Amino acid sequence: MESHELLQFLVVAHGSAAEVQSALYVALDQSYIGQAQFEYLYKITDETSKVIMGFSNYLRKNLRVH
Protein backbone atom coordinates (compact mmCIF):
# COMPACT_ATOMS: atom_id res chain seq x y z
CA MET A 1 0.00 0.00 0.00
CA GLU A 2 1.42 3.38 -0.94
CA SER A 3 1.62 6.25 1.51
CA HIS A 4 -1.22 8.26 0.00
CA GLU A 5 -3.47 5.17 0.02
CA LEU A 6 -2.66 4.57 3.67
CA LEU A 7 -3.45 8.18 4.50
CA GLN A 8 -6.78 7.93 2.68
CA PHE A 9 -7.55 4.75 4.62
CA LEU A 10 -6.77 6.58 7.87
CA VAL A 11 -9.08 9.45 6.89
CA VAL A 12 -11.89 6.94 6.38
CA ALA A 13 -11.06 5.19 9.66
CA HIS A 14 -11.18 8.52 11.50
CA GLY A 15 -14.59 9.22 9.97
CA SER A 16 -15.79 5.78 11.02
CA ALA A 17 -14.75 6.49 14.59
CA ALA A 18 -16.84 9.66 14.50
CA GLU A 19 -19.80 7.63 13.20
CA VAL A 20 -19.42 5.20 16.10
CA GLN A 21 -19.49 8.12 18.54
CA SER A 22 -22.67 9.39 16.91
CA ALA A 23 -24.25 5.94 17.12
CA LEU A 24 -23.32 5.76 20.79
CA TYR A 25 -25.36 8.90 21.46
CA VAL A 26 -28.35 7.33 19.70
CA ALA A 27 -27.90 4.09 21.64
CA LEU A 28 -27.80 6.04 24.90
CA ASP A 29 -30.82 8.17 23.99
CA GLN A 30 -32.81 5.05 23.07
CA SER A 31 -31.73 3.30 26.30
CA TYR A 32 -29.96 0.50 24.42
CA ILE A 33 -26.92 1.15 26.59
CA GLY A 34 -26.47 2.75 29.99
CA GLN A 35 -24.46 5.82 30.90
CA ALA A 36 -21.48 3.79 32.14
CA GLN A 37 -21.33 1.75 28.93
CA PHE A 38 -21.63 4.92 26.87
CA GLU A 39 -18.78 6.62 28.70
CA TYR A 40 -16.52 3.57 28.43
CA LEU A 41 -17.17 3.02 24.72
CA TYR A 42 -16.98 6.72 23.90
CA LYS A 43 -13.62 6.98 25.67
CA ILE A 44 -12.22 4.01 23.73
CA THR A 45 -13.48 5.47 20.47
CA ASP A 46 -12.03 8.87 21.31
CA GLU A 47 -8.65 7.35 22.12
CA THR A 48 -8.72 5.35 18.87
CA SER A 49 -9.56 8.49 16.93
CA LYS A 50 -6.62 10.32 18.49
CA VAL A 51 -4.24 7.46 17.64
CA ILE A 52 -5.45 7.47 14.03
CA MET A 53 -4.94 11.22 13.74
CA GLY A 54 -1.55 11.04 15.42
CA PHE A 55 -0.41 8.36 13.00
CA SER A 56 -1.76 10.37 10.06
CA ASN A 57 0.11 13.46 11.21
CA TYR A 58 3.28 11.43 11.73
CA LEU A 59 3.07 10.03 8.21
CA ARG A 60 2.42 13.45 6.68
CA LYS A 61 5.36 14.97 8.54
CA ASN A 62 7.90 12.19 8.06
CA LEU A 63 6.94 11.00 4.59
CA ARG A 64 6.18 14.47 3.30
CA VAL A 65 2.82 13.33 1.99
CA HIS A 66 -0.01 15.84 1.73
PDB file of N, CA and C in Angstrom:
ATOM      1  N   MET A   1       0.851  -1.168   0.000  1.00  0.00           N
ATOM      2  CA  MET A   1       0.000   0.000   0.000  1.00  0.00           C
ATOM      3  C   MET A   1       0.900   1.235   0.000  1.00  0.00           C
ATOM      4  N   GLU A   2       0.627   2.156  -0.879  1.00  0.00           N
ATOM      5  CA  GLU A   2       1.417   3.380  -0.939  1.00  0.00           C
ATOM      6  C   GLU A   2       0.982   4.350   0.154  1.00  0.00           C
ATOM      7  N   SER A   3       1.856   5.312   0.415  1.00  0.00           N
ATOM      8  CA  SER A   3       1.619   6.252   1.514  1.00  0.00           C
ATOM      9  C   SER A   3       0.303   7.003   1.365  1.00  0.00           C
ATOM     10  N   HIS A   4       0.019   7.494   0.164  1.00  0.00           N
ATOM     11  CA  HIS A   4      -1.221   8.262   0.004  1.00  0.00           C
ATOM     12  C   HIS A   4      -2.451   7.377   0.167  1.00  0.00           C
ATOM     13  N   GLU A   5      -2.348   6.093  -0.196  1.00  0.00           N
ATOM     14  CA  GLU A   5      -3.466   5.170   0.016  1.00  0.00           C
ATOM     15  C   GLU A   5      -3.674   4.911   1.509  1.00  0.00           C
ATOM     16  N   LEU A   6      -2.573   4.768   2.222  1.00  0.00           N
ATOM     17  CA  LEU A   6      -2.656   4.566   3.665  1.00  0.00           C
ATOM     18  C   LEU A   6      -3.276   5.785   4.334  1.00  0.00           C
ATOM     19  N   LEU A   7      -2.875   6.967   3.921  1.00  0.00           N
ATOM     20  CA  LEU A   7      -3.449   8.183   4.500  1.00  0.00           C
ATOM     21  C   LEU A   7      -4.946   8.276   4.212  1.00  0.00           C
ATOM     22  N   GLN A   8      -5.353   7.904   3.006  1.00  0.00           N
ATOM     23  CA  GLN A   8      -6.780   7.926   2.682  1.00  0.00           C
ATOM     24  C   GLN A   8      -7.536   6.924   3.546  1.00  0.00           C
ATOM     25  N   PHE A   9      -6.952   5.756   3.749  1.00  0.00           N
ATOM     26  CA  PHE A   9      -7.552   4.754   4.622  1.00  0.00           C
ATOM     27  C   PHE A   9      -7.724   5.307   6.035  1.00  0.00           C
ATOM     28  N   LEU A  10      -6.705   6.015   6.527  1.00  0.00           N
ATOM     29  CA  LEU A  10      -6.770   6.580   7.875  1.00  0.00           C
ATOM     30  C   LEU A  10      -7.832   7.672   7.971  1.00  0.00           C
ATOM     31  N   VAL A  11      -8.017   8.438   6.913  1.00  0.00           N
ATOM     32  CA  VAL A  11      -9.085   9.448   6.892  1.00  0.00           C
ATOM     33  C   VAL A  11     -10.449   8.767   7.032  1.00  0.00           C
ATOM     34  N   VAL A  12     -10.632   7.684   6.297  1.00  0.00           N
ATOM     35  CA  VAL A  12     -11.892   6.941   6.376  1.00  0.00           C
ATOM     36  C   VAL A  12     -12.065   6.337   7.767  1.00  0.00           C
ATOM     37  N   ALA A  13     -10.995   5.782   8.321  1.00  0.00           N
ATOM     38  CA  ALA A  13     -11.060   5.191   9.660  1.00  0.00           C
ATOM     39  C   ALA A  13     -11.427   6.243  10.699  1.00  0.00           C
ATOM     40  N   HIS A  14     -10.863   7.436  10.567  1.00  0.00           N
ATOM     41  CA  HIS A  14     -11.180   8.521  11.497  1.00  0.00           C
ATOM     42  C   HIS A  14     -12.661   8.890  11.384  1.00  0.00           C
ATOM     43  N   GLY A  15     -13.167   8.949  10.171  1.00  0.00           N
ATOM     44  CA  GLY A  15     -14.588   9.222   9.967  1.00  0.00           C
ATOM     45  C   GLY A  15     -15.470   8.133  10.564  1.00  0.00           C
ATOM     46  N   SER A  16     -15.025   6.897  10.446  1.00  0.00           N
ATOM     47  CA  SER A  16     -15.786   5.784  11.017  1.00  0.00           C
ATOM     48  C   SER A  16     -15.839   5.879  12.534  1.00  0.00           C
ATOM     49  N   ALA A  17     -14.752   6.308  13.139  1.00  0.00           N
ATOM     50  CA  ALA A  17     -14.749   6.494  14.592  1.00  0.00           C
ATOM     51  C   ALA A  17     -15.765   7.555  15.001  1.00  0.00           C
ATOM     52  N   ALA A  18     -15.854   8.615  14.218  1.00  0.00           N
ATOM     53  CA  ALA A  18     -16.844   9.662  14.498  1.00  0.00           C
ATOM     54  C   ALA A  18     -18.267   9.114  14.348  1.00  0.00           C
ATOM     55  N   GLU A  19     -18.480   8.243  13.373  1.00  0.00           N
ATOM     56  CA  GLU A  19     -19.798   7.628  13.197  1.00  0.00           C
ATOM     57  C   GLU A  19     -20.154   6.750  14.393  1.00  0.00           C
ATOM     58  N   VAL A  20     -19.180   6.033  14.917  1.00  0.00           N
ATOM     59  CA  VAL A  20     -19.418   5.203  16.101  1.00  0.00           C
ATOM     60  C   VAL A  20     -19.828   6.084  17.274  1.00  0.00           C
ATOM     61  N   GLN A  21     -19.143   7.209  17.444  1.00  0.00           N
ATOM     62  CA  GLN A  21     -19.490   8.117  18.538  1.00  0.00           C
ATOM     63  C   GLN A  21     -20.919   8.634  18.382  1.00  0.00           C
ATOM     64  N   SER A  22     -21.298   8.941  17.168  1.00  0.00           N
ATOM     65  CA  SER A  22     -22.667   9.394  16.910  1.00  0.00           C
ATOM     66  C   SER A  22     -23.669   8.291  17.240  1.00  0.00           C
ATOM     67  N   ALA A  23     -23.357   7.069  16.836  1.00  0.00           N
ATOM     68  CA  ALA A  23     -24.248   5.942  17.116  1.00  0.00           C
ATOM     69  C   ALA A  23     -24.352   5.677  18.617  1.00  0.00           C
ATOM     70  N   LEU A  24     -23.277   5.937  19.332  1.00  0.00           N
ATOM     71  CA  LEU A  24     -23.323   5.762  20.786  1.00  0.00           C
ATOM     72  C   LEU A  24     -24.320   6.720  21.429  1.00  0.00           C
ATOM     73  N   TYR A  25     -24.376   7.953  20.934  1.00  0.00           N
ATOM     74  CA  TYR A  25     -25.359   8.903  21.457  1.00  0.00           C
ATOM     75  C   TYR A  25     -26.783   8.396  21.207  1.00  0.00           C
ATOM     76  N   VAL A  26     -27.018   7.862  20.029  1.00  0.00           N
ATOM     77  CA  VAL A  26     -28.346   7.331  19.702  1.00  0.00           C
ATOM     78  C   VAL A  26     -28.665   6.153  20.616  1.00  0.00           C
ATOM     79  N   ALA A  27     -27.690   5.260  20.778  1.00  0.00           N
ATOM     80  CA  ALA A  27     -27.904   4.093  21.639  1.00  0.00           C
ATOM     81  C   ALA A  27     -28.218   4.513  23.071  1.00  0.00           C
ATOM     82  N   LEU A  28     -27.532   5.538  23.553  1.00  0.00           N
ATOM     83  CA  LEU A  28     -27.800   6.041  24.903  1.00  0.00           C
ATOM     84  C   LEU A  28     -29.188   6.671  24.969  1.00  0.00           C
ATOM     85  N   ASP A  29     -29.511   7.498  24.005  1.00  0.00           N
ATOM     86  CA  ASP A  29     -30.822   8.168  23.992  1.00  0.00           C
ATOM     87  C   ASP A  29     -31.978   7.176  23.907  1.00  0.00           C
ATOM     88  N   GLN A  30     -31.761   6.062  23.220  1.00  0.00           N
ATOM     89  CA  GLN A  30     -32.809   5.046  23.069  1.00  0.00           C
ATOM     90  C   GLN A  30     -32.768   3.994  24.191  1.00  0.00           C
ATOM     91  N   SER A  31     -31.887   4.202  25.148  1.00  0.00           N
ATOM     92  CA  SER A  31     -31.727   3.303  26.301  1.00  0.00           C
ATOM     93  C   SER A  31     -31.279   1.895  25.908  1.00  0.00           C
ATOM     94  N   TYR A  32     -30.544   1.788  24.791  1.00  0.00           N
ATOM     95  CA  TYR A  32     -29.957   0.502  24.416  1.00  0.00           C
ATOM     96  C   TYR A  32     -28.718   0.207  25.260  1.00  0.00           C
ATOM     97  N   ILE A  33     -28.073   1.273  25.707  1.00  0.00           N
ATOM     98  CA  ILE A  33     -26.918   1.149  26.594  1.00  0.00           C
ATOM     99  C   ILE A  33     -27.100   2.132  27.744  1.00  0.00           C
ATOM    100  N   GLY A  34     -26.409   1.856  28.837  1.00  0.00           N
ATOM    101  CA  GLY A  34     -26.467   2.747  29.989  1.00  0.00           C
ATOM    102  C   GLY A  34     -25.371   3.798  29.917  1.00  0.00           C
ATOM    103  N   GLN A  35     -25.423   4.718  30.859  1.00  0.00           N
ATOM    104  CA  GLN A  35     -24.456   5.817  30.899  1.00  0.00           C
ATOM    105  C   GLN A  35     -23.025   5.308  31.054  1.00  0.00           C
ATOM    106  N   ALA A  36     -22.834   4.320  31.917  1.00  0.00           N
ATOM    107  CA  ALA A  36     -21.480   3.789  32.140  1.00  0.00           C
ATOM    108  C   ALA A  36     -20.931   3.137  30.875  1.00  0.00           C
ATOM    109  N   GLN A  37     -21.760   2.366  30.183  1.00  0.00           N
ATOM    110  CA  GLN A  37     -21.325   1.752  28.926  1.00  0.00           C
ATOM    111  C   GLN A  37     -20.992   2.819  27.896  1.00  0.00           C
ATOM    112  N   PHE A  38     -21.859   3.829  27.811  1.00  0.00           N
ATOM    113  CA  PHE A  38     -21.635   4.916  26.868  1.00  0.00           C
ATOM    114  C   PHE A  38     -20.295   5.578  27.122  1.00  0.00           C
ATOM    115  N   GLU A  39     -20.027   5.927  28.369  1.00  0.00           N
ATOM    116  CA  GLU A  39     -18.778   6.622  28.697  1.00  0.00           C
ATOM    117  C   GLU A  39     -17.559   5.765  28.390  1.00  0.00           C
ATOM    118  N   TYR A  40     -17.632   4.477  28.708  1.00  0.00           N
ATOM    119  CA  TYR A  40     -16.522   3.569  28.430  1.00  0.00           C
ATOM    120  C   TYR A  40     -16.265   3.464  26.921  1.00  0.00           C
ATOM    121  N   LEU A  41     -17.324   3.199  26.170  1.00  0.00           N
ATOM    122  CA  LEU A  41     -17.175   3.024  24.723  1.00  0.00           C
ATOM    123  C   LEU A  41     -16.787   4.326  24.035  1.00  0.00           C
ATOM    124  N   TYR A  42     -17.335   5.425  24.490  1.00  0.00           N
ATOM    125  CA  TYR A  42     -16.982   6.720  23.903  1.00  0.00           C
ATOM    126  C   TYR A  42     -15.502   7.019  24.139  1.00  0.00           C
ATOM    127  N   LYS A  43     -15.036   6.734  25.349  1.00  0.00           N
ATOM    128  CA  LYS A  43     -13.623   6.975  25.674  1.00  0.00           C
ATOM    129  C   LYS A  43     -12.708   6.144  24.778  1.00  0.00           C
ATOM    130  N   ILE A  44     -13.032   4.871  24.597  1.00  0.00           N
ATOM    131  CA  ILE A  44     -12.224   4.010  23.733  1.00  0.00           C
ATOM    132  C   ILE A  44     -12.225   4.543  22.302  1.00  0.00           C
ATOM    133  N   THR A  45     -13.383   4.940  21.824  1.00  0.00           N
ATOM    134  CA  THR A  45     -13.484   5.468  20.466  1.00  0.00           C
ATOM    135  C   THR A  45     -12.704   6.759  20.328  1.00  0.00           C
ATOM    136  N   ASP A  46     -12.769   7.612  21.333  1.00  0.00           N
ATOM    137  CA  ASP A  46     -12.035   8.868  21.306  1.00  0.00           C
ATOM    138  C   ASP A  46     -10.526   8.618  21.280  1.00  0.00           C
ATOM    139  N   GLU A  47     -10.071   7.683  22.102  1.00  0.00           N
ATOM    140  CA  GLU A  47      -8.646   7.345  22.122  1.00  0.00           C
ATOM    141  C   GLU A  47      -8.203   6.773  20.774  1.00  0.00           C
ATOM    142  N   THR A  48      -9.027   5.925  20.189  1.00  0.00           N
ATOM    143  CA  THR A  48      -8.720   5.346  18.873  1.00  0.00           C
ATOM    144  C   THR A  48      -8.627   6.437  17.822  1.00  0.00           C
ATOM    145  N   SER A  49      -9.557   7.373  17.870  1.00  0.00           N
ATOM    146  CA  SER A  49      -9.557   8.486  16.930  1.00  0.00           C
ATOM    147  C   SER A  49      -8.276   9.306  17.041  1.00  0.00           C
ATOM    148  N   LYS A  50      -7.847   9.545  18.268  1.00  0.00           N
ATOM    149  CA  LYS A  50      -6.617  10.318  18.487  1.00  0.00           C
ATOM    150  C   LYS A  50      -5.390   9.572  17.965  1.00  0.00           C
ATOM    151  N   VAL A  51      -5.361   8.254  18.149  1.00  0.00           N
ATOM    152  CA  VAL A  51      -4.240   7.457  17.637  1.00  0.00           C
ATOM    153  C   VAL A  51      -4.210   7.513  16.113  1.00  0.00           C
ATOM    154  N   ILE A  52      -5.370   7.398  15.496  1.00  0.00           N
ATOM    155  CA  ILE A  52      -5.446   7.465  14.034  1.00  0.00           C
ATOM    156  C   ILE A  52      -4.931   8.808  13.535  1.00  0.00           C
ATOM    157  N   MET A  53      -5.381   9.894  14.174  1.00  0.00           N
ATOM    158  CA  MET A  53      -4.941  11.222  13.744  1.00  0.00           C
ATOM    159  C   MET A  53      -3.451  11.431  14.006  1.00  0.00           C
ATOM    160  N   GLY A  54      -2.973  10.926  15.118  1.00  0.00           N
ATOM    161  CA  GLY A  54      -1.547  11.036  15.420  1.00  0.00           C
ATOM    162  C   GLY A  54      -0.704  10.308  14.391  1.00  0.00           C
ATOM    163  N   PHE A  55      -1.128   9.122  14.012  1.00  0.00           N
ATOM    164  CA  PHE A  55      -0.406   8.355  13.003  1.00  0.00           C
ATOM    165  C   PHE A  55      -0.459   9.065  11.654  1.00  0.00           C
ATOM    166  N   SER A  56      -1.626   9.609  11.307  1.00  0.00           N
ATOM    167  CA  SER A  56      -1.762  10.367  10.055  1.00  0.00           C
ATOM    168  C   SER A  56      -0.810  11.556  10.039  1.00  0.00           C
ATOM    169  N   ASN A  57      -0.780  12.285  11.125  1.00  0.00           N
ATOM    170  CA  ASN A  57       0.108  13.456  11.208  1.00  0.00           C
ATOM    171  C   ASN A  57       1.570  13.043  11.134  1.00  0.00           C
ATOM    172  N   TYR A  58       1.913  11.941  11.787  1.00  0.00           N
ATOM    173  CA  TYR A  58       3.279  11.427  11.729  1.00  0.00           C
ATOM    174  C   TYR A  58       3.671  11.102  10.285  1.00  0.00           C
ATOM    175  N   LEU A  59       2.775  10.398   9.592  1.00  0.00           N
ATOM    176  CA  LEU A  59       3.074  10.035   8.208  1.00  0.00           C
ATOM    177  C   LEU A  59       3.239  11.270   7.326  1.00  0.00           C
ATOM    178  N   ARG A  60       2.330  12.230   7.491  1.00  0.00           N
ATOM    179  CA  ARG A  60       2.418  13.449   6.679  1.00  0.00           C
ATOM    180  C   ARG A  60       3.739  14.183   6.928  1.00  0.00           C
ATOM    181  N   LYS A  61       4.142  14.248   8.176  1.00  0.00           N
ATOM    182  CA  LYS A  61       5.363  14.967   8.542  1.00  0.00           C
ATOM    183  C   LYS A  61       6.616  14.230   8.070  1.00  0.00           C
ATOM    184  N   ASN A  62       6.675  12.941   8.316  1.00  0.00           N
ATOM    185  CA  ASN A  62       7.897  12.187   8.065  1.00  0.00           C
ATOM    186  C   ASN A  62       8.004  11.629   6.650  1.00  0.00           C
ATOM    187  N   LEU A  63       6.894  11.493   5.967  1.00  0.00           N
ATOM    188  CA  LEU A  63       6.944  10.996   4.593  1.00  0.00           C
ATOM    189  C   LEU A  63       6.711  12.117   3.591  1.00  0.00           C
ATOM    190  N   ARG A  64       6.448  13.297   4.128  1.00  0.00           N
ATOM    191  CA  ARG A  64       6.180  14.466   3.298  1.00  0.00           C
ATOM    192  C   ARG A  64       5.072  14.205   2.268  1.00  0.00           C
ATOM    193  N   VAL A  65       3.991  13.613   2.800  1.00  0.00           N
ATOM    194  CA  VAL A  65       2.816  13.331   1.987  1.00  0.00           C
ATOM    195  C   VAL A  65       1.717  14.299   2.396  1.00  0.00           C
ATOM    196  N   HIS A  66       1.065  14.879   1.431  1.00  0.00           N
ATOM    197  CA  HIS A  66      -0.010  15.836   1.731  1.00  0.00           C
ATOM    198  C   HIS A  66      -1.245  15.331   1.105  1.00  0.00           C
TER     199      HIS A  66
END
